[in-house]
PDB file of N, CA and C in Angstrom:
ATOM      1  N   UNK A   1     -43.933 119.768  -2.322  1.00  0.00           N
ATOM      2  CA  UNK A   1     -44.614 118.793  -1.312  1.00  0.00           C
ATOM      3  C   UNK A   1     -45.486 119.488  -0.287  1.00  0.00           C
ATOM      4  N   UNK A   2     -46.578 118.877   0.063  1.00  0.00           N
ATOM      5  CA  UNK A   2     -47.435 119.460   1.099  1.00  0.00           C
ATOM      6  C   UNK A   2     -47.667 118.365   2.156  1.00  0.00           C
ATOM      7  N   UNK A   3     -47.914 118.815   3.480  1.00  0.00           N
ATOM      8  CA  UNK A   3     -48.231 117.941   4.549  1.00  0.00           C
ATOM      9  C   UNK A   3     -49.547 118.363   5.043  1.00  0.00           C
ATOM     10  N   UNK A   4     -50.499 117.339   5.171  1.00  0.00           N
ATOM     11  CA  UNK A   4     -51.798 117.552   5.764  1.00  0.00           C
ATOM     12  C   UNK A   4     -51.800 116.854   7.075  1.00  0.00           C
ATOM     13  N   UNK A   5     -52.351 117.739   8.085  1.00  0.00           N
ATOM     14  CA  UNK A   5     -52.472 117.149   9.403  1.00  0.00           C
ATOM     15  C   UNK A   5     -53.902 117.128   9.699  1.00  0.00           C
ATOM     16  N   UNK A   6     -54.505 115.967   9.447  1.00  0.00           N
ATOM     17  CA  UNK A   6     -56.025 115.843   9.751  1.00  0.00           C
ATOM     18  C   UNK A   6     -56.208 115.884  11.203  1.00  0.00           C
ATOM     19  N   UNK A   7     -57.318 116.491  11.657  1.00  0.00           N
ATOM     20  CA  UNK A   7     -57.604 116.777  13.044  1.00  0.00           C
ATOM     21  C   UNK A   7     -58.862 116.052  13.547  1.00  0.00           C
ATOM     22  N   UNK A   8     -59.976 116.306  12.733  1.00  0.00           N
ATOM     23  CA  UNK A   8     -61.328 115.691  13.255  1.00  0.00           C
ATOM     24  C   UNK A   8     -62.328 115.837  12.061  1.00  0.00           C
ATOM     25  N   UNK A   9     -63.399 115.039  12.336  1.00  0.00           N
ATOM     26  CA  UNK A   9     -64.588 115.012  11.418  1.00  0.00           C
ATOM     27  C   UNK A   9     -65.750 115.393  12.215  1.00  0.00           C
ATOM     28  N   UNK A  10     -66.658 116.129  11.651  1.00  0.00           N
ATOM     29  CA  UNK A  10     -68.021 116.358  12.153  1.00  0.00           C
ATOM     30  C   UNK A  10     -68.902 115.608  11.168  1.00  0.00           C
ATOM     31  N   UNK A  11     -69.468 114.583  11.625  1.00  0.00           N
ATOM     32  CA  UNK A  11     -70.245 113.585  10.732  1.00  0.00           C
ATOM     33  C   UNK A  11     -71.706 113.977  10.580  1.00  0.00           C
ATOM     34  N   UNK A  12     -72.071 113.957   9.327  1.00  0.00           N
ATOM     35  CA  UNK A  12     -73.546 114.017   8.957  1.00  0.00           C
ATOM     36  C   UNK A  12     -74.246 115.163   9.690  1.00  0.00           C
ATOM     37  N   UNK A  13     -73.835 116.423   9.362  1.00  0.00           N
ATOM     38  CA  UNK A  13     -74.424 117.603  10.009  1.00  0.00           C
ATOM     39  C   UNK A  13     -75.468 118.284   9.129  1.00  0.00           C
ATOM     40  N   UNK A  14     -76.631 118.579   9.671  1.00  0.00           N
ATOM     41  CA  UNK A  14     -77.716 119.219   8.909  1.00  0.00           C
ATOM     42  C   UNK A  14     -77.202 120.614   8.464  1.00  0.00           C
ATOM     43  N   UNK A  15     -76.405 121.309   9.314  1.00  0.00           N
ATOM     44  CA  UNK A  15     -75.998 122.679   8.946  1.00  0.00           C
ATOM     45  C   UNK A  15     -74.937 122.549   7.786  1.00  0.00           C
ATOM     46  N   UNK A  16     -74.389 121.444   7.389  1.00  0.00           N
ATOM     47  CA  UNK A  16     -73.457 121.325   6.316  1.00  0.00           C
ATOM     48  C   UNK A  16     -74.312 120.971   5.031  1.00  0.00           C
ATOM     49  N   UNK A  17     -75.536 120.558   5.162  1.00  0.00           N
ATOM     50  CA  UNK A  17     -76.331 120.228   4.015  1.00  0.00           C
ATOM     51  C   UNK A  17     -76.922 118.755   4.000  1.00  0.00           C
ATOM     52  N   UNK A  18     -76.710 118.067   5.134  1.00  0.00           N
ATOM     53  CA  UNK A  18     -77.235 116.696   5.138  1.00  0.00           C
ATOM     54  C   UNK A  18     -78.795 116.781   5.124  1.00  0.00           C
ATOM     55  N   UNK A  19     -79.358 115.727   4.476  1.00  0.00           N
ATOM     56  CA  UNK A  19     -80.755 115.641   4.302  1.00  0.00           C
ATOM     57  C   UNK A  19     -81.185 114.142   4.307  1.00  0.00           C
ATOM     58  N   UNK A  20     -82.434 113.874   3.771  1.00  0.00           N
ATOM     59  CA  UNK A  20     -82.875 112.507   3.803  1.00  0.00           C
ATOM     60  C   UNK A  20     -82.026 111.721   2.743  1.00  0.00           C
ATOM     61  N   UNK A  21     -81.528 112.303   1.748  1.00  0.00           N
ATOM     62  CA  UNK A  21     -80.890 111.618   0.655  1.00  0.00           C
ATOM     63  C   UNK A  21     -79.322 111.582   0.775  1.00  0.00           C
ATOM     64  N   UNK A  22     -78.788 112.438   1.402  1.00  0.00           N
ATOM     65  CA  UNK A  22     -77.282 112.634   1.492  1.00  0.00           C
ATOM     66  C   UNK A  22     -76.823 113.009   2.823  1.00  0.00           C
ATOM     67  N   UNK A  23     -75.628 112.539   3.126  1.00  0.00           N
ATOM     68  CA  UNK A  23     -74.912 112.815   4.421  1.00  0.00           C
ATOM     69  C   UNK A  23     -73.780 113.705   4.076  1.00  0.00           C
ATOM     70  N   UNK A  24     -73.655 114.879   4.634  1.00  0.00           N
ATOM     71  CA  UNK A  24     -72.543 115.722   4.459  1.00  0.00           C
ATOM     72  C   UNK A  24     -71.794 115.928   5.770  1.00  0.00           C
ATOM     73  N   UNK A  25     -70.546 115.550   5.697  1.00  0.00           N
ATOM     74  CA  UNK A  25     -69.623 115.665   6.830  1.00  0.00           C
ATOM     75  C   UNK A  25     -68.582 116.635   6.559  1.00  0.00           C
ATOM     76  N   UNK A  26     -67.829 117.087   7.582  1.00  0.00           N
ATOM     77  CA  UNK A  26     -66.689 118.080   7.295  1.00  0.00           C
ATOM     78  C   UNK A  26     -65.505 117.583   7.957  1.00  0.00           C
ATOM     79  N   UNK A  27     -64.421 117.478   7.152  1.00  0.00           N
ATOM     80  CA  UNK A  27     -63.101 116.979   7.644  1.00  0.00           C
ATOM     81  C   UNK A  27     -62.198 118.287   7.859  1.00  0.00           C
ATOM     82  N   UNK A  28     -61.682 118.438   9.096  1.00  0.00           N
ATOM     83  CA  UNK A  28     -60.957 119.612   9.412  1.00  0.00           C
ATOM     84  C   UNK A  28     -59.390 119.215   9.489  1.00  0.00           C
ATOM     85  N   UNK A  29     -58.511 120.098   9.048  1.00  0.00           N
ATOM     86  CA  UNK A  29     -57.128 119.764   8.930  1.00  0.00           C
ATOM     87  C   UNK A  29     -56.346 121.113   8.865  1.00  0.00           C
ATOM     88  N   UNK A  30     -54.974 120.904   9.104  1.00  0.00           N
ATOM     89  CA  UNK A  30     -54.049 121.926   8.919  1.00  0.00           C
ATOM     90  C   UNK A  30     -53.224 121.500   7.725  1.00  0.00           C
ATOM     91  N   UNK A  31     -52.548 122.469   6.993  1.00  0.00           N
ATOM     92  CA  UNK A  31     -51.925 122.235   5.727  1.00  0.00           C
ATOM     93  C   UNK A  31     -50.527 123.009   5.779  1.00  0.00           C
ATOM     94  N   UNK A  32     -49.506 122.270   5.527  1.00  0.00           N
ATOM     95  CA  UNK A  32     -48.140 122.879   5.492  1.00  0.00           C
ATOM     96  C   UNK A  32     -47.669 122.753   4.130  1.00  0.00           C
ATOM     97  N   UNK A  33     -47.572 123.880   3.456  1.00  0.00           N
ATOM     98  CA  UNK A  33     -47.046 123.864   1.972  1.00  0.00           C
ATOM     99  C   UNK A  33     -46.427 125.224   1.689  1.00  0.00           C
ATOM    100  N   UNK A  34     -45.368 125.076   0.775  1.00  0.00           N
ATOM    101  CA  UNK A  34     -44.710 126.326   0.425  1.00  0.00           C
ATOM    102  C   UNK A  34     -44.052 127.211   1.540  1.00  0.00           C
ATOM    103  N   UNK A  35     -43.624 126.458   2.552  1.00  0.00           N
ATOM    104  CA  UNK A  35     -43.061 127.197   3.736  1.00  0.00           C
ATOM    105  C   UNK A  35     -44.052 127.837   4.672  1.00  0.00           C
ATOM    106  N   UNK A  36     -45.274 127.567   4.477  1.00  0.00           N
ATOM    107  CA  UNK A  36     -46.386 128.247   5.244  1.00  0.00           C
ATOM    108  C   UNK A  36     -47.255 127.173   5.854  1.00  0.00           C
ATOM    109  N   UNK A  37     -47.814 127.463   7.061  1.00  0.00           N
ATOM    110  CA  UNK A  37     -48.903 126.603   7.763  1.00  0.00           C
ATOM    111  C   UNK A  37     -50.154 127.301   7.670  1.00  0.00           C
ATOM    112  N   UNK A  38     -51.151 126.629   7.177  1.00  0.00           N
ATOM    113  CA  UNK A  38     -52.611 127.102   7.112  1.00  0.00           C
ATOM    114  C   UNK A  38     -53.391 126.240   8.013  1.00  0.00           C
ATOM    115  N   UNK A  39     -53.941 126.885   9.035  1.00  0.00           N
ATOM    116  CA  UNK A  39     -54.637 126.217  10.055  1.00  0.00           C
ATOM    117  C   UNK A  39     -56.116 126.236   9.847  1.00  0.00           C
ATOM    118  N   UNK A  40     -56.788 125.344  10.428  1.00  0.00           N
ATOM    119  CA  UNK A  40     -58.313 125.193  10.480  1.00  0.00           C
ATOM    120  C   UNK A  40     -58.959 125.243   9.138  1.00  0.00           C
ATOM    121  N   UNK A  41     -58.428 124.522   8.151  1.00  0.00           N
ATOM    122  CA  UNK A  41     -59.077 124.366   6.917  1.00  0.00           C
ATOM    123  C   UNK A  41     -59.944 123.226   6.982  1.00  0.00           C
ATOM    124  N   UNK A  42     -60.909 123.281   5.997  1.00  0.00           N
ATOM    125  CA  UNK A  42     -61.802 122.046   5.993  1.00  0.00           C
ATOM    126  C   UNK A  42     -62.274 121.756   4.561  1.00  0.00           C
ATOM    127  N   UNK A  43     -62.878 120.595   4.324  1.00  0.00           N
ATOM    128  CA  UNK A  43     -63.486 120.133   3.141  1.00  0.00           C
ATOM    129  C   UNK A  43     -64.665 119.346   3.551  1.00  0.00           C
ATOM    130  N   UNK A  44     -65.732 119.552   2.722  1.00  0.00           N
ATOM    131  CA  UNK A  44     -66.936 118.656   3.033  1.00  0.00           C
ATOM    132  C   UNK A  44     -66.875 117.433   2.300  1.00  0.00           C
ATOM    133  N   UNK A  45     -67.422 116.366   2.865  1.00  0.00           N
ATOM    134  CA  UNK A  45     -67.424 115.005   2.304  1.00  0.00           C
ATOM    135  C   UNK A  45     -68.911 114.616   2.198  1.00  0.00           C
ATOM    136  N   UNK A  46     -69.259 114.186   1.012  1.00  0.00           N
ATOM    137  CA  UNK A  46     -70.693 113.697   0.906  1.00  0.00           C
ATOM    138  C   UNK A  46     -70.742 112.333   0.411  1.00  0.00           C
ATOM    139  N   UNK A  47     -71.827 111.593   0.898  1.00  0.00           N
ATOM    140  CA  UNK A  47     -72.151 110.299   0.557  1.00  0.00           C
ATOM    141  C   UNK A  47     -73.601 109.989   0.696  1.00  0.00           C
ATOM    142  N   UNK A  48     -74.146 108.927   0.226  1.00  0.00           N
ATOM    143  CA  UNK A  48     -75.493 108.617   0.335  1.00  0.00           C
ATOM    144  C   UNK A  48     -75.921 108.583   1.907  1.00  0.00           C
ATOM    145  N   UNK A  49     -77.191 108.996   2.109  1.00  0.00           N
ATOM    146  CA  UNK A  49     -77.537 109.155   3.556  1.00  0.00           C
ATOM    147  C   UNK A  49     -77.445 107.841   4.377  1.00  0.00           C
ATOM    148  N   UNK A  50     -77.555 106.659   3.758  1.00  0.00           N
ATOM    149  CA  UNK A  50     -77.467 105.383   4.379  1.00  0.00           C
ATOM    150  C   UNK A  50     -76.284 104.653   3.856  1.00  0.00           C
ATOM    151  N   UNK A  51     -75.198 105.283   3.428  1.00  0.00           N
ATOM    152  CA  UNK A  51     -74.014 104.655   2.796  1.00  0.00           C
ATOM    153  C   UNK A  51     -73.202 103.817   3.803  1.00  0.00           C
ATOM    154  N   UNK A  52     -72.310 103.125   3.263  1.00  0.00           N
ATOM    155  CA  UNK A  52     -71.540 102.278   4.062  1.00  0.00           C
ATOM    156  C   UNK A  52     -70.059 102.714   4.206  1.00  0.00           C
ATOM    157  N   UNK A  53     -69.808 103.989   3.835  1.00  0.00           N
ATOM    158  CA  UNK A  53     -68.486 104.681   4.005  1.00  0.00           C
ATOM    159  C   UNK A  53     -67.438 104.113   3.128  1.00  0.00           C
ATOM    160  N   UNK A  54     -67.849 103.355   1.953  1.00  0.00           N
ATOM    161  CA  UNK A  54     -66.817 103.077   1.056  1.00  0.00           C
ATOM    162  C   UNK A  54     -66.383 104.093   0.193  1.00  0.00           C
ATOM    163  N   UNK A  55     -65.030 104.084  -0.185  1.00  0.00           N
ATOM    164  CA  UNK A  55     -64.437 105.238  -0.855  1.00  0.00           C
ATOM    165  C   UNK A  55     -65.118 105.509  -2.179  1.00  0.00           C
ATOM    166  N   UNK A  56     -65.630 104.552  -2.921  1.00  0.00           N
ATOM    167  CA  UNK A  56     -66.416 104.886  -4.159  1.00  0.00           C
ATOM    168  C   UNK A  56     -67.695 105.621  -3.925  1.00  0.00           C
ATOM    169  N   UNK A  57     -68.331 105.570  -2.735  1.00  0.00           N
ATOM    170  CA  UNK A  57     -69.525 106.316  -2.416  1.00  0.00           C
ATOM    171  C   UNK A  57     -69.218 107.745  -1.958  1.00  0.00           C
ATOM    172  N   UNK A  58     -68.018 108.080  -1.708  1.00  0.00           N
ATOM    173  CA  UNK A  58     -67.652 109.309  -1.025  1.00  0.00           C
ATOM    174  C   UNK A  58     -67.191 110.378  -2.119  1.00  0.00           C
ATOM    175  N   UNK A  59     -67.702 111.602  -1.927  1.00  0.00           N
ATOM    176  CA  UNK A  59     -67.403 112.677  -2.803  1.00  0.00           C
ATOM    177  C   UNK A  59     -66.786 113.769  -2.027  1.00  0.00           C
ATOM    178  N   UNK A  60     -65.628 114.319  -2.399  1.00  0.00           N
ATOM    179  CA  UNK A  60     -64.892 115.292  -1.675  1.00  0.00           C
ATOM    180  C   UNK A  60     -65.156 116.644  -2.388  1.00  0.00           C
ATOM    181  N   UNK A  61     -65.701 117.641  -1.610  1.00  0.00           N
ATOM    182  CA  UNK A  61     -65.981 118.882  -2.109  1.00  0.00           C
ATOM    183  C   UNK A  61     -64.716 119.847  -2.288  1.00  0.00           C
ATOM    184  N   UNK A  62     -65.068 121.060  -2.575  1.00  0.00           N
ATOM    185  CA  UNK A  62     -64.036 122.105  -2.782  1.00  0.00           C
ATOM    186  C   UNK A  62     -63.292 122.362  -1.411  1.00  0.00           C
ATOM    187  N   UNK A  63     -62.029 122.659  -1.412  1.00  0.00           N
ATOM    188  CA  UNK A  63     -61.304 122.983  -0.265  1.00  0.00           C
ATOM    189  C   UNK A  63     -61.616 124.446   0.131  1.00  0.00           C
ATOM    190  N   UNK A  64     -62.117 124.565   1.434  1.00  0.00           N
ATOM    191  CA  UNK A  64     -62.369 125.924   2.006  1.00  0.00           C
ATOM    192  C   UNK A  64     -61.021 126.478   2.424  1.00  0.00           C
ATOM    193  N   UNK A  65     -60.600 127.647   1.869  1.00  0.00           N
ATOM    194  CA  UNK A  65     -59.286 128.124   1.986  1.00  0.00           C
ATOM    195  C   UNK A  65     -59.422 129.546   2.338  1.00  0.00           C
ATOM    196  N   UNK A  66     -58.543 129.958   3.294  1.00  0.00           N
ATOM    197  CA  UNK A  66     -58.378 131.441   3.623  1.00  0.00           C
ATOM    198  C   UNK A  66     -57.056 131.955   2.976  1.00  0.00           C
ATOM    199  N   UNK A  67     -57.137 133.020   2.267  1.00  0.00           N
ATOM    200  CA  UNK A  67     -56.001 133.596   1.718  1.00  0.00           C
ATOM    201  C   UNK A  67     -55.624 132.943   0.322  1.00  0.00           C
ATOM    202  N   UNK A  68     -54.451 132.985   0.057  1.00  0.00           N
ATOM    203  CA  UNK A  68     -53.951 132.462  -1.373  1.00  0.00           C
ATOM    204  C   UNK A  68     -53.988 130.886  -1.247  1.00  0.00           C
ATOM    205  N   UNK A  69     -54.693 130.345  -2.241  1.00  0.00           N
ATOM    206  CA  UNK A  69     -54.784 128.915  -2.218  1.00  0.00           C
ATOM    207  C   UNK A  69     -53.408 128.213  -2.578  1.00  0.00           C
ATOM    208  N   UNK A  70     -53.232 127.081  -2.074  1.00  0.00           N
ATOM    209  CA  UNK A  70     -52.080 126.207  -2.323  1.00  0.00           C
ATOM    210  C   UNK A  70     -52.333 125.328  -3.427  1.00  0.00           C
ATOM    211  N   UNK A  71     -51.485 125.046  -4.378  1.00  0.00           N
ATOM    212  CA  UNK A  71     -51.649 124.094  -5.407  1.00  0.00           C
ATOM    213  C   UNK A  71     -51.369 122.750  -4.837  1.00  0.00           C
ATOM    214  N   UNK A  72     -52.437 121.853  -4.945  1.00  0.00           N
ATOM    215  CA  UNK A  72     -52.337 120.489  -4.501  1.00  0.00           C
ATOM    216  C   UNK A  72     -52.629 119.544  -5.545  1.00  0.00           C
ATOM    217  N   UNK A  73     -52.102 118.421  -5.550  1.00  0.00           N
ATOM    218  CA  UNK A  73     -52.505 117.331  -6.493  1.00  0.00           C
ATOM    219  C   UNK A  73     -53.940 116.912  -5.944  1.00  0.00           C
ATOM    220  N   UNK A  74     -54.977 117.340  -6.725  1.00  0.00           N
ATOM    221  CA  UNK A  74     -56.373 117.132  -6.364  1.00  0.00           C
ATOM    222  C   UNK A  74     -56.703 115.634  -6.182  1.00  0.00           C
ATOM    223  N   UNK A  75     -56.176 114.707  -7.018  1.00  0.00           N
ATOM    224  CA  UNK A  75     -56.386 113.380  -6.929  1.00  0.00           C
ATOM    225  C   UNK A  75     -55.832 112.691  -5.772  1.00  0.00           C
ATOM    226  N   UNK A  76     -54.568 113.145  -5.389  1.00  0.00           N
ATOM    227  CA  UNK A  76     -53.911 112.648  -4.148  1.00  0.00           C
ATOM    228  C   UNK A  76     -54.613 113.264  -2.946  1.00  0.00           C
ATOM    229  N   UNK A  77     -55.022 114.498  -2.951  1.00  0.00           N
ATOM    230  CA  UNK A  77     -55.664 115.093  -1.849  1.00  0.00           C
ATOM    231  C   UNK A  77     -57.057 114.345  -1.558  1.00  0.00           C
ATOM    232  N   UNK A  78     -57.863 114.111  -2.612  1.00  0.00           N
ATOM    233  CA  UNK A  78     -59.139 113.464  -2.410  1.00  0.00           C
ATOM    234  C   UNK A  78     -58.945 112.000  -1.925  1.00  0.00           C
ATOM    235  N   UNK A  79     -57.832 111.354  -2.450  1.00  0.00           N
ATOM    236  CA  UNK A  79     -57.628 109.980  -1.845  1.00  0.00           C
ATOM    237  C   UNK A  79     -57.242 110.063  -0.334  1.00  0.00           C
ATOM    238  N   UNK A  80     -56.557 111.044   0.006  1.00  0.00           N
ATOM    239  CA  UNK A  80     -56.058 111.162   1.482  1.00  0.00           C
ATOM    240  C   UNK A  80     -57.392 111.507   2.323  1.00  0.00           C
ATOM    241  N   UNK A  81     -58.157 112.377   1.850  1.00  0.00           N
ATOM    242  CA  UNK A  81     -59.341 112.828   2.615  1.00  0.00           C
ATOM    243  C   UNK A  81     -60.295 111.549   2.747  1.00  0.00           C
ATOM    244  N   UNK A  82     -60.548 110.805   1.655  1.00  0.00           N
ATOM    245  CA  UNK A  82     -61.360 109.688   1.649  1.00  0.00           C
ATOM    246  C   UNK A  82     -60.867 108.649   2.636  1.00  0.00           C
ATOM    247  N   UNK A  83     -59.632 108.351   2.496  1.00  0.00           N
ATOM    248  CA  UNK A  83     -58.978 107.421   3.497  1.00  0.00           C
ATOM    249  C   UNK A  83     -59.071 107.726   4.976  1.00  0.00           C
ATOM    250  N   UNK A  84     -58.757 108.970   5.244  1.00  0.00           N
ATOM    251  CA  UNK A  84     -58.949 109.429   6.665  1.00  0.00           C
ATOM    252  C   UNK A  84     -60.396 109.386   7.058  1.00  0.00           C
ATOM    253  N   UNK A  85     -61.267 109.895   6.287  1.00  0.00           N
ATOM    254  CA  UNK A  85     -62.681 109.881   6.700  1.00  0.00           C
ATOM    255  C   UNK A  85     -63.209 108.422   6.861  1.00  0.00           C
ATOM    256  N   UNK A  86     -62.963 107.590   5.927  1.00  0.00           N
ATOM    257  CA  UNK A  86     -63.374 106.178   5.979  1.00  0.00           C
ATOM    258  C   UNK A  86     -62.854 105.500   7.185  1.00  0.00           C
ATOM    259  N   UNK A  87     -61.523 105.640   7.355  1.00  0.00           N
ATOM    260  CA  UNK A  87     -60.941 104.915   8.533  1.00  0.00           C
ATOM    261  C   UNK A  87     -61.391 105.441   9.855  1.00  0.00           C
ATOM    262  N   UNK A  88     -61.631 106.686   9.944  1.00  0.00           N
ATOM    263  CA  UNK A  88     -62.086 107.277  11.219  1.00  0.00           C
ATOM    264  C   UNK A  88     -63.489 106.937  11.589  1.00  0.00           C
ATOM    265  N   UNK A  89     -64.330 107.006  10.554  1.00  0.00           N
ATOM    266  CA  UNK A  89     -65.789 106.804  10.787  1.00  0.00           C
ATOM    267  C   UNK A  89     -66.023 105.300  10.981  1.00  0.00           C
ATOM    268  N   UNK A  90     -65.421 104.531  10.155  1.00  0.00           N
ATOM    269  CA  UNK A  90     -65.724 103.061  10.266  1.00  0.00           C
ATOM    270  C   UNK A  90     -65.056 102.440  11.498  1.00  0.00           C
ATOM    271  N   UNK A  91     -63.848 102.799  11.856  1.00  0.00           N
ATOM    272  CA  UNK A  91     -63.133 102.252  12.932  1.00  0.00           C
ATOM    273  C   UNK A  91     -63.637 102.678  14.337  1.00  0.00           C
ATOM    274  N   UNK A  92     -64.281 103.895  14.309  1.00  0.00           N
ATOM    275  CA  UNK A  92     -64.753 104.419  15.665  1.00  0.00           C
ATOM    276  C   UNK A  92     -66.048 103.682  16.064  1.00  0.00           C
ATOM    277  N   UNK A  93     -66.626 102.855  15.251  1.00  0.00           N
ATOM    278  CA  UNK A  93     -67.865 102.177  15.560  1.00  0.00           C
ATOM    279  C   UNK A  93     -69.143 103.118  15.352  1.00  0.00           C
ATOM    280  N   UNK A  94     -68.844 104.325  14.713  1.00  0.00           N
ATOM    281  CA  UNK A  94     -69.955 105.218  14.473  1.00  0.00           C
ATOM    282  C   UNK A  94     -70.370 104.903  13.099  1.00  0.00           C
ATOM    283  N   UNK A  95     -71.471 105.614  12.644  1.00  0.00           N
ATOM    284  CA  UNK A  95     -71.687 105.584  11.237  1.00  0.00           C
ATOM    285  C   UNK A  95     -73.283 105.230  10.939  1.00  0.00           C
ATOM    286  N   UNK A  96     -73.587 105.661   9.788  1.00  0.00           N
ATOM    287  CA  UNK A  96     -74.938 105.486   9.406  1.00  0.00           C
ATOM    288  C   UNK A  96     -75.253 103.992   9.106  1.00  0.00           C
ATOM    289  N   UNK A  97     -74.253 103.195   8.747  1.00  0.00           N
ATOM    290  CA  UNK A  97     -74.573 101.824   8.555  1.00  0.00           C
ATOM    291  C   UNK A  97     -75.090 101.148   9.818  1.00  0.00           C
ATOM    292  N   UNK A  98     -74.543 101.621  10.946  1.00  0.00           N
ATOM    293  CA  UNK A  98     -75.046 101.029  12.207  1.00  0.00           C
ATOM    294  C   UNK A  98     -76.488 101.600  12.505  1.00  0.00           C
ATOM    295  N   UNK A  99     -76.566 102.907  12.323  1.00  0.00           N
ATOM    296  CA  UNK A  99     -77.912 103.604  12.595  1.00  0.00           C
ATOM    297  C   UNK A  99     -79.026 103.066  11.617  1.00  0.00           C
ATOM    298  N   UNK A 100     -78.655 102.785  10.446  1.00  0.00           N
ATOM    299  CA  UNK A 100     -79.575 102.313   9.492  1.00  0.00           C
ATOM    300  C   UNK A 100     -80.244 100.980  10.008  1.00  0.00           C
ATOM    301  N   UNK A 101     -79.366 100.030  10.530  1.00  0.00           N
ATOM    302  CA  UNK A 101     -79.871  98.815  11.052  1.00  0.00           C
ATOM    303  C   UNK A 101     -80.799  98.933  12.210  1.00  0.00           C
ATOM    304  N   UNK A 102     -80.694 100.040  12.945  1.00  0.00           N
ATOM    305  CA  UNK A 102     -81.634 100.261  14.087  1.00  0.00           C
ATOM    306  C   UNK A 102     -82.727 101.193  13.771  1.00  0.00           C
ATOM    307  N   UNK A 103     -82.727 101.728  12.535  1.00  0.00           N
ATOM    308  CA  UNK A 103     -83.886 102.594  12.136  1.00  0.00           C
ATOM    309  C   UNK A 103     -83.717 104.088  12.574  1.00  0.00           C
ATOM    310  N   UNK A 104     -82.596 104.457  13.041  1.00  0.00           N
ATOM    311  CA  UNK A 104     -82.371 105.926  13.374  1.00  0.00           C
ATOM    312  C   UNK A 104     -81.072 106.396  12.800  1.00  0.00           C
ATOM    313  N   UNK A 105     -80.855 107.753  12.854  1.00  0.00           N
ATOM    314  CA  UNK A 105     -79.624 108.329  12.323  1.00  0.00           C
ATOM    315  C   UNK A 105     -79.182 109.489  13.228  1.00  0.00           C
ATOM    316  N   UNK A 106     -78.037 109.461  13.634  1.00  0.00           N
ATOM    317  CA  UNK A 106     -77.615 110.657  14.439  1.00  0.00           C
ATOM    318  C   UNK A 106     -76.984 111.730  13.503  1.00  0.00           C
ATOM    319  N   UNK A 107     -76.940 112.865  14.033  1.00  0.00           N
ATOM    320  CA  UNK A 107     -76.352 114.005  13.341  1.00  0.00           C
ATOM    321  C   UNK A 107     -75.338 114.709  14.110  1.00  0.00           C
ATOM    322  N   UNK A 108     -74.305 115.158  13.465  1.00  0.00           N
ATOM    323  CA  UNK A 108     -73.256 116.028  14.166  1.00  0.00           C
ATOM    324  C   UNK A 108     -72.293 115.419  15.089  1.00  0.00           C
ATOM    325  N   UNK A 109     -72.102 114.125  15.016  1.00  0.00           N
ATOM    326  CA  UNK A 109     -71.123 113.481  15.814  1.00  0.00           C
ATOM    327  C   UNK A 109     -69.710 114.086  15.500  1.00  0.00           C
ATOM    328  N   UNK A 110     -68.947 114.256  16.497  1.00  0.00           N
ATOM    329  CA  UNK A 110     -67.555 114.737  16.301  1.00  0.00           C
ATOM    330  C   UNK A 110     -66.549 113.667  16.637  1.00  0.00           C
ATOM    331  N   UNK A 111     -65.752 113.304  15.631  1.00  0.00           N
ATOM    332  CA  UNK A 111     -64.724 112.252  15.800  1.00  0.00           C
ATOM    333  C   UNK A 111     -63.393 112.816  15.538  1.00  0.00           C
ATOM    334  N   UNK A 112     -62.433 112.531  16.435  1.00  0.00           N
ATOM    335  CA  UNK A 112     -61.160 113.099  16.271  1.00  0.00           C
ATOM    336  C   UNK A 112     -60.046 112.112  16.337  1.00  0.00           C
ATOM    337  N   UNK A 113     -58.966 112.341  15.522  1.00  0.00           N
ATOM    338  CA  UNK A 113     -57.728 111.453  15.552  1.00  0.00           C
ATOM    339  C   UNK A 113     -56.815 112.215  14.589  1.00  0.00           C
ATOM    340  N   UNK A 114     -55.659 112.568  15.196  1.00  0.00           N
ATOM    341  CA  UNK A 114     -54.658 113.319  14.327  1.00  0.00           C
ATOM    342  C   UNK A 114     -53.980 112.279  13.401  1.00  0.00           C
ATOM    343  N   UNK A 115     -53.874 112.680  12.157  1.00  0.00           N
ATOM    344  CA  UNK A 115     -53.182 111.738  11.066  1.00  0.00           C
ATOM    345  C   UNK A 115     -52.461 112.654  10.191  1.00  0.00           C
ATOM    346  N   UNK A 116     -51.219 112.324   9.944  1.00  0.00           N
ATOM    347  CA  UNK A 116     -50.364 113.173   9.044  1.00  0.00           C
ATOM    348  C   UNK A 116     -50.120 112.434   7.821  1.00  0.00           C
ATOM    349  N   UNK A 117     -50.313 113.153   6.628  1.00  0.00           N
ATOM    350  CA  UNK A 117     -50.149 112.654   5.267  1.00  0.00           C
ATOM    351  C   UNK A 117     -49.320 113.624   4.536  1.00  0.00           C
ATOM    352  N   UNK A 118     -48.328 113.069   3.790  1.00  0.00           N
ATOM    353  CA  UNK A 118     -47.578 113.973   2.951  1.00  0.00           C
ATOM    354  C   UNK A 118     -48.049 113.666   1.452  1.00  0.00           C
ATOM    355  N   UNK A 119     -48.211 114.696   0.746  1.00  0.00           N
ATOM    356  CA  UNK A 119     -48.594 114.574  -0.676  1.00  0.00           C
ATOM    357  C   UNK A 119     -47.322 114.989  -1.581  1.00  0.00           C
TER     358      UNK A 119
END
């Protein structure tokens, strides 16, 4: 079993690869597995530049890991990341769906809320 402690999202950042076609955000978290705690891990999340943050639009990238990787159920991990990202971005009132309606797009907003998920 593994425990993910989601910490924050940096949304739609150019330095992560966002451009006119795609939005790349980064989800930061800690991971407790196999009796060890791995801090400050992240995974990139990609969706269409003017997406609506629906889980079927979201793609979860490779886990950035320091040291020995931990074996995770990839499908469960992706579902947890998508759920956290979607709930945080949509519920915070942020998001490109709002910016799209007004004709502009913000980059690099940081959103934070701790959420614990067990896989």
